[in-house]
Amino acid sequence: MKSKINLMNLVSTITNHHFNDKITSVNDHCLRLAVNEDNTYPWHRHNRTDELFVVLEGNLRIEFENGELVDLFKNETYCVKSGRIHRTIAIGRTINLCFEIDNEDTEYIDL
């Protein structure tokens, strides 16, 4: 990161119903910003990293293959452990940060 970033200013420029991009890297990890509206991400797992979610706005639901659900709201955080099959569902417009290993090899799963 060469200069400071105002996350909410960046969010205000996003008009897509699905945006997920790396904002910066720190050591061997990265910070991603996701802005989604009524969007379901495919089933997947990360084999080399835990995935930490921090919700800035809205309702992000994390669903696991065993049917377990975790609903996150503004200022809430949750860590999905490495290897756990999951998907995220944006209920309305949702803005979240995600911390994970840089260059993670996401494995998509057909359920």
N, C-alpha and C. Protein backbone atom coordinates (compact mmCIF):
# COMPACT_ATOMS: atom_id res chain seq x y z
N MET A 1 0.86 -1.17 0.00
CA MET A 1 0.00 0.00 0.00
C MET A 1 0.90 1.22 0.00
N LYS A 2 0.74 2.04 -1.01
CA LYS A 2 1.60 3.21 -1.16
C LYS A 2 1.03 4.46 -0.52
N SER A 3 -0.28 4.46 -0.29
CA SER A 3 -0.91 5.60 0.36
C SER A 3 -2.09 5.10 1.17
N LYS A 4 -2.60 5.95 2.02
CA LYS A 4 -3.72 5.53 2.84
C LYS A 4 -4.97 5.36 1.98
N ILE A 5 -5.85 4.49 2.46
CA ILE A 5 -7.09 4.19 1.74
C ILE A 5 -8.26 4.42 2.69
N ASN A 6 -9.23 5.18 2.26
CA ASN A 6 -10.46 5.34 3.01
C ASN A 6 -11.43 4.30 2.45
N LEU A 7 -11.71 3.28 3.24
CA LEU A 7 -12.52 2.17 2.77
C LEU A 7 -13.92 2.60 2.34
N MET A 8 -14.56 3.46 3.11
CA MET A 8 -15.92 3.87 2.77
C MET A 8 -15.96 4.76 1.52
N ASN A 9 -14.91 5.54 1.29
CA ASN A 9 -14.83 6.29 0.03
C ASN A 9 -14.69 5.32 -1.15
N LEU A 10 -13.88 4.29 -0.97
CA LEU A 10 -13.73 3.28 -2.01
C LEU A 10 -15.06 2.56 -2.26
N VAL A 11 -15.75 2.19 -1.20
CA VAL A 11 -17.05 1.51 -1.32
C VAL A 11 -18.03 2.37 -2.10
N SER A 12 -18.01 3.68 -1.89
CA SER A 12 -18.98 4.57 -2.56
C SER A 12 -18.81 4.59 -4.07
N THR A 13 -17.66 4.14 -4.58
CA THR A 13 -17.42 4.12 -6.03
C THR A 13 -17.85 2.79 -6.67
N ILE A 14 -18.20 1.80 -5.86
CA ILE A 14 -18.52 0.47 -6.37
C ILE A 14 -20.01 0.37 -6.68
N THR A 15 -20.33 0.05 -7.93
CA THR A 15 -21.72 -0.05 -8.35
C THR A 15 -22.11 -1.48 -8.72
N ASN A 16 -21.16 -2.40 -8.79
CA ASN A 16 -21.44 -3.80 -9.13
C ASN A 16 -22.22 -4.47 -8.01
N HIS A 17 -22.97 -5.53 -8.35
CA HIS A 17 -23.67 -6.32 -7.33
C HIS A 17 -22.72 -7.33 -6.68
N HIS A 18 -21.52 -7.50 -7.26
CA HIS A 18 -20.51 -8.37 -6.67
C HIS A 18 -19.13 -7.76 -6.93
N PHE A 19 -18.45 -7.41 -5.84
CA PHE A 19 -17.09 -6.87 -5.91
C PHE A 19 -16.29 -7.55 -4.82
N ASN A 20 -15.15 -8.10 -5.16
CA ASN A 20 -14.26 -8.72 -4.18
C ASN A 20 -12.85 -8.55 -4.70
N ASP A 21 -12.07 -7.71 -4.03
CA ASP A 21 -10.73 -7.41 -4.54
C ASP A 21 -9.76 -7.20 -3.40
N LYS A 22 -8.52 -7.52 -3.66
CA LYS A 22 -7.45 -7.31 -2.67
C LYS A 22 -7.17 -5.82 -2.57
N ILE A 23 -7.13 -5.33 -1.33
CA ILE A 23 -6.83 -3.92 -1.07
C ILE A 23 -5.34 -3.72 -0.82
N THR A 24 -4.76 -4.63 -0.03
CA THR A 24 -3.33 -4.52 0.28
C THR A 24 -2.83 -5.85 0.83
N SER A 25 -1.52 -5.99 0.87
CA SER A 25 -0.88 -7.17 1.46
C SER A 25 -0.08 -6.75 2.68
N VAL A 26 -0.04 -7.64 3.66
CA VAL A 26 0.75 -7.43 4.88
C VAL A 26 1.48 -8.73 5.15
N ASN A 27 2.81 -8.69 5.08
CA ASN A 27 3.61 -9.90 5.19
C ASN A 27 3.11 -10.92 4.18
N ASP A 28 2.66 -12.09 4.59
CA ASP A 28 2.18 -13.10 3.64
C ASP A 28 0.65 -13.19 3.62
N HIS A 29 -0.03 -12.17 4.13
CA HIS A 29 -1.50 -12.15 4.15
C HIS A 29 -2.02 -10.95 3.35
N CYS A 30 -3.31 -10.99 3.05
CA CYS A 30 -3.90 -9.86 2.33
C CYS A 30 -5.21 -9.46 2.99
N LEU A 31 -5.59 -8.23 2.73
CA LEU A 31 -6.87 -7.68 3.14
C LEU A 31 -7.69 -7.51 1.87
N ARG A 32 -8.87 -8.14 1.87
CA ARG A 32 -9.78 -8.04 0.74
C ARG A 32 -11.02 -7.25 1.17
N LEU A 33 -11.58 -6.51 0.23
CA LEU A 33 -12.83 -5.79 0.44
C LEU A 33 -13.88 -6.44 -0.45
N ALA A 34 -15.02 -6.77 0.13
CA ALA A 34 -16.12 -7.35 -0.64
C ALA A 34 -17.36 -6.50 -0.46
N VAL A 35 -18.00 -6.18 -1.57
CA VAL A 35 -19.27 -5.48 -1.57
C VAL A 35 -20.21 -6.33 -2.42
N ASN A 36 -21.26 -6.84 -1.80
CA ASN A 36 -22.19 -7.73 -2.48
C ASN A 36 -23.62 -7.32 -2.18
N GLU A 37 -24.49 -7.60 -3.14
CA GLU A 37 -25.91 -7.32 -2.94
C GLU A 37 -26.71 -8.53 -3.39
N ASP A 38 -27.39 -9.17 -2.41
CA ASP A 38 -28.21 -10.36 -2.71
C ASP A 38 -27.44 -11.35 -3.58
N ASN A 39 -26.25 -11.71 -3.13
CA ASN A 39 -25.36 -12.55 -3.91
C ASN A 39 -24.95 -13.78 -3.09
N THR A 40 -24.93 -14.95 -3.71
CA THR A 40 -24.44 -16.16 -3.07
C THR A 40 -23.15 -16.59 -3.75
N TYR A 41 -22.08 -16.67 -2.97
CA TYR A 41 -20.79 -17.11 -3.49
C TYR A 41 -20.79 -18.64 -3.54
N PRO A 42 -20.12 -19.26 -4.50
CA PRO A 42 -20.15 -20.72 -4.62
C PRO A 42 -19.51 -21.43 -3.42
N TRP A 43 -19.90 -22.70 -3.24
CA TRP A 43 -19.28 -23.53 -2.20
C TRP A 43 -17.80 -23.65 -2.49
N HIS A 44 -16.98 -23.56 -1.43
CA HIS A 44 -15.54 -23.63 -1.60
C HIS A 44 -14.86 -23.89 -0.26
N ARG A 45 -13.56 -24.10 -0.33
CA ARG A 45 -12.74 -24.17 0.88
C ARG A 45 -11.36 -23.63 0.54
N HIS A 46 -10.66 -23.25 1.60
CA HIS A 46 -9.28 -22.77 1.49
C HIS A 46 -8.42 -23.79 2.21
N ASN A 47 -7.49 -24.38 1.50
CA ASN A 47 -6.71 -25.48 2.06
C ASN A 47 -5.50 -25.05 2.87
N ARG A 48 -5.07 -23.81 2.70
CA ARG A 48 -3.86 -23.36 3.39
C ARG A 48 -4.06 -22.21 4.36
N THR A 49 -5.30 -21.76 4.53
CA THR A 49 -5.48 -20.57 5.36
C THR A 49 -6.84 -20.54 6.04
N ASP A 50 -6.88 -19.98 7.22
CA ASP A 50 -8.15 -19.60 7.82
C ASP A 50 -8.62 -18.34 7.08
N GLU A 51 -9.91 -18.05 7.17
CA GLU A 51 -10.47 -16.87 6.52
C GLU A 51 -11.26 -16.08 7.56
N LEU A 52 -10.81 -14.86 7.82
CA LEU A 52 -11.43 -14.03 8.83
C LEU A 52 -12.31 -12.97 8.16
N PHE A 53 -13.59 -12.93 8.53
CA PHE A 53 -14.54 -11.97 8.00
C PHE A 53 -14.82 -10.89 9.05
N VAL A 54 -14.90 -9.63 8.60
CA VAL A 54 -15.31 -8.51 9.44
C VAL A 54 -16.36 -7.74 8.66
N VAL A 55 -17.58 -7.68 9.18
CA VAL A 55 -18.67 -7.00 8.47
C VAL A 55 -18.70 -5.53 8.86
N LEU A 56 -18.69 -4.67 7.85
CA LEU A 56 -18.76 -3.23 8.05
C LEU A 56 -20.19 -2.71 7.91
N GLU A 57 -20.98 -3.42 7.09
CA GLU A 57 -22.36 -2.99 6.84
C GLU A 57 -23.16 -4.18 6.32
N GLY A 58 -24.42 -4.28 6.75
CA GLY A 58 -25.31 -5.29 6.22
C GLY A 58 -25.29 -6.60 7.00
N ASN A 59 -25.72 -7.66 6.31
CA ASN A 59 -25.85 -9.00 6.89
C ASN A 59 -25.16 -10.00 5.97
N LEU A 60 -24.07 -10.59 6.44
CA LEU A 60 -23.35 -11.62 5.71
C LEU A 60 -23.63 -12.96 6.39
N ARG A 61 -24.18 -13.87 5.65
CA ARG A 61 -24.45 -15.22 6.17
C ARG A 61 -23.37 -16.16 5.66
N ILE A 62 -22.81 -16.95 6.56
CA ILE A 62 -21.86 -17.98 6.18
C ILE A 62 -22.56 -19.32 6.41
N GLU A 63 -22.64 -20.11 5.36
CA GLU A 63 -23.31 -21.41 5.42
C GLU A 63 -22.26 -22.50 5.25
N PHE A 64 -22.37 -23.54 6.06
CA PHE A 64 -21.44 -24.66 6.00
C PHE A 64 -22.14 -25.87 5.41
N GLU A 65 -21.35 -26.81 4.88
CA GLU A 65 -21.91 -27.97 4.19
C GLU A 65 -22.79 -28.82 5.10
N ASN A 66 -22.61 -28.74 6.41
CA ASN A 66 -23.43 -29.54 7.35
C ASN A 66 -24.74 -28.82 7.71
N GLY A 67 -25.00 -27.66 7.09
CA GLY A 67 -26.23 -26.92 7.35
C GLY A 67 -26.09 -25.83 8.41
N GLU A 68 -24.96 -25.79 9.10
CA GLU A 68 -24.74 -24.74 10.11
C GLU A 68 -24.71 -23.37 9.43
N LEU A 69 -25.30 -22.38 10.10
CA LEU A 69 -25.33 -21.01 9.60
C LEU A 69 -24.73 -20.07 10.64
N VAL A 70 -24.00 -19.09 10.17
CA VAL A 70 -23.50 -18.01 11.03
C VAL A 70 -23.91 -16.71 10.35
N ASP A 71 -24.73 -15.90 11.03
CA ASP A 71 -25.12 -14.60 10.51
C ASP A 71 -24.28 -13.52 11.17
N LEU A 72 -23.62 -12.73 10.34
CA LEU A 72 -22.80 -11.62 10.83
C LEU A 72 -23.44 -10.30 10.43
N PHE A 73 -23.40 -9.36 11.37
CA PHE A 73 -23.94 -8.02 11.15
C PHE A 73 -22.83 -7.01 11.42
N LYS A 74 -23.14 -5.74 11.22
CA LYS A 74 -22.17 -4.65 11.37
C LYS A 74 -21.34 -4.81 12.63
N ASN A 75 -20.02 -4.70 12.46
CA ASN A 75 -19.03 -4.76 13.54
C ASN A 75 -18.84 -6.15 14.13
N GLU A 76 -19.33 -7.19 13.45
CA GLU A 76 -19.12 -8.56 13.93
C GLU A 76 -18.09 -9.26 13.05
N THR A 77 -17.41 -10.23 13.65
CA THR A 77 -16.34 -10.95 12.97
C THR A 77 -16.48 -12.44 13.22
N TYR A 78 -15.95 -13.24 12.28
CA TYR A 78 -15.99 -14.69 12.42
C TYR A 78 -14.85 -15.27 11.59
N CYS A 79 -14.24 -16.34 12.11
CA CYS A 79 -13.14 -16.99 11.42
C CYS A 79 -13.56 -18.37 10.94
N VAL A 80 -13.45 -18.62 9.64
CA VAL A 80 -13.68 -19.94 9.06
C VAL A 80 -12.33 -20.65 9.01
N LYS A 81 -12.25 -21.79 9.65
CA LYS A 81 -10.99 -22.53 9.73
C LYS A 81 -10.62 -23.16 8.39
N SER A 82 -9.36 -23.28 8.15
CA SER A 82 -8.81 -23.87 6.93
C SER A 82 -9.44 -25.24 6.66
N GLY A 83 -9.78 -25.50 5.40
CA GLY A 83 -10.31 -26.79 4.99
C GLY A 83 -11.81 -26.95 5.14
N ARG A 84 -12.48 -26.00 5.78
CA ARG A 84 -13.92 -26.12 6.03
C ARG A 84 -14.71 -25.63 4.81
N ILE A 85 -15.58 -26.48 4.28
CA ILE A 85 -16.38 -26.11 3.11
C ILE A 85 -17.48 -25.15 3.54
N HIS A 86 -17.58 -24.04 2.80
CA HIS A 86 -18.54 -23.00 3.14
C HIS A 86 -18.88 -22.16 1.92
N ARG A 87 -19.88 -21.32 2.09
CA ARG A 87 -20.20 -20.30 1.10
C ARG A 87 -20.74 -19.10 1.85
N THR A 88 -20.65 -17.93 1.22
CA THR A 88 -21.19 -16.73 1.84
C THR A 88 -22.40 -16.25 1.04
N ILE A 89 -23.36 -15.67 1.78
CA ILE A 89 -24.58 -15.16 1.18
C ILE A 89 -24.78 -13.73 1.69
N ALA A 90 -24.83 -12.79 0.76
CA ALA A 90 -25.11 -11.40 1.13
C ALA A 90 -26.62 -11.23 1.17
N ILE A 91 -27.11 -10.85 2.34
CA ILE A 91 -28.53 -10.56 2.51
C ILE A 91 -28.69 -9.06 2.31
N GLY A 92 -29.21 -8.64 1.16
CA GLY A 92 -29.22 -7.22 0.83
C GLY A 92 -27.81 -6.76 0.48
N ARG A 93 -27.52 -5.50 0.68
CA ARG A 93 -26.17 -4.96 0.41
C ARG A 93 -25.31 -5.20 1.63
N THR A 94 -24.19 -5.86 1.41
CA THR A 94 -23.28 -6.22 2.49
C THR A 94 -21.87 -5.78 2.13
N ILE A 95 -21.19 -5.18 3.10
CA ILE A 95 -19.80 -4.77 2.93
C ILE A 95 -18.98 -5.47 4.00
N ASN A 96 -17.95 -6.19 3.57
CA ASN A 96 -17.10 -6.87 4.56
C ASN A 96 -15.64 -6.87 4.14
N LEU A 97 -14.81 -7.03 5.15
CA LEU A 97 -13.38 -7.23 4.95
C LEU A 97 -13.09 -8.70 5.15
N CYS A 98 -12.05 -9.18 4.48
CA CYS A 98 -11.64 -10.57 4.62
C CYS A 98 -10.12 -10.60 4.71
N PHE A 99 -9.62 -11.33 5.69
CA PHE A 99 -8.19 -11.50 5.86
C PHE A 99 -7.84 -12.96 5.59
N GLU A 100 -6.85 -13.21 4.74
CA GLU A 100 -6.42 -14.56 4.42
C GLU A 100 -5.01 -14.53 3.85
N ILE A 101 -4.42 -15.71 3.66
CA ILE A 101 -3.10 -15.78 3.05
C ILE A 101 -3.17 -15.20 1.64
N ASP A 102 -2.17 -14.43 1.28
CA ASP A 102 -2.08 -13.88 -0.06
C ASP A 102 -1.93 -15.03 -1.06
N ASN A 103 -2.56 -14.90 -2.20
CA ASN A 103 -2.48 -15.91 -3.26
C ASN A 103 -2.99 -17.28 -2.81
N GLU A 104 -4.07 -17.28 -2.07
CA GLU A 104 -4.71 -18.53 -1.61
C GLU A 104 -5.26 -19.31 -2.80
N ASP A 105 -5.16 -20.61 -2.70
CA ASP A 105 -5.72 -21.48 -3.75
C ASP A 105 -7.11 -21.96 -3.32
N THR A 106 -8.11 -21.19 -3.68
CA THR A 106 -9.49 -21.52 -3.36
C THR A 106 -9.91 -22.73 -4.19
N GLU A 107 -10.49 -23.73 -3.52
CA GLU A 107 -10.98 -24.93 -4.19
C GLU A 107 -12.51 -24.88 -4.19
N TYR A 108 -13.10 -24.82 -5.39
CA TYR A 108 -14.55 -24.78 -5.52
C TYR A 108 -15.10 -26.20 -5.46
N ILE A 109 -16.25 -26.37 -4.80
CA ILE A 109 -16.82 -27.68 -4.51
C ILE A 109 -18.23 -27.74 -5.10
N ASP A 110 -18.57 -28.83 -5.78
CA ASP A 110 -19.94 -29.07 -6.22
C ASP A 110 -20.67 -29.85 -5.15
N LEU A 111 -21.72 -29.27 -4.56
CA LEU A 111 -22.51 -29.99 -3.57
C LEU A 111 -23.89 -30.30 -4.13
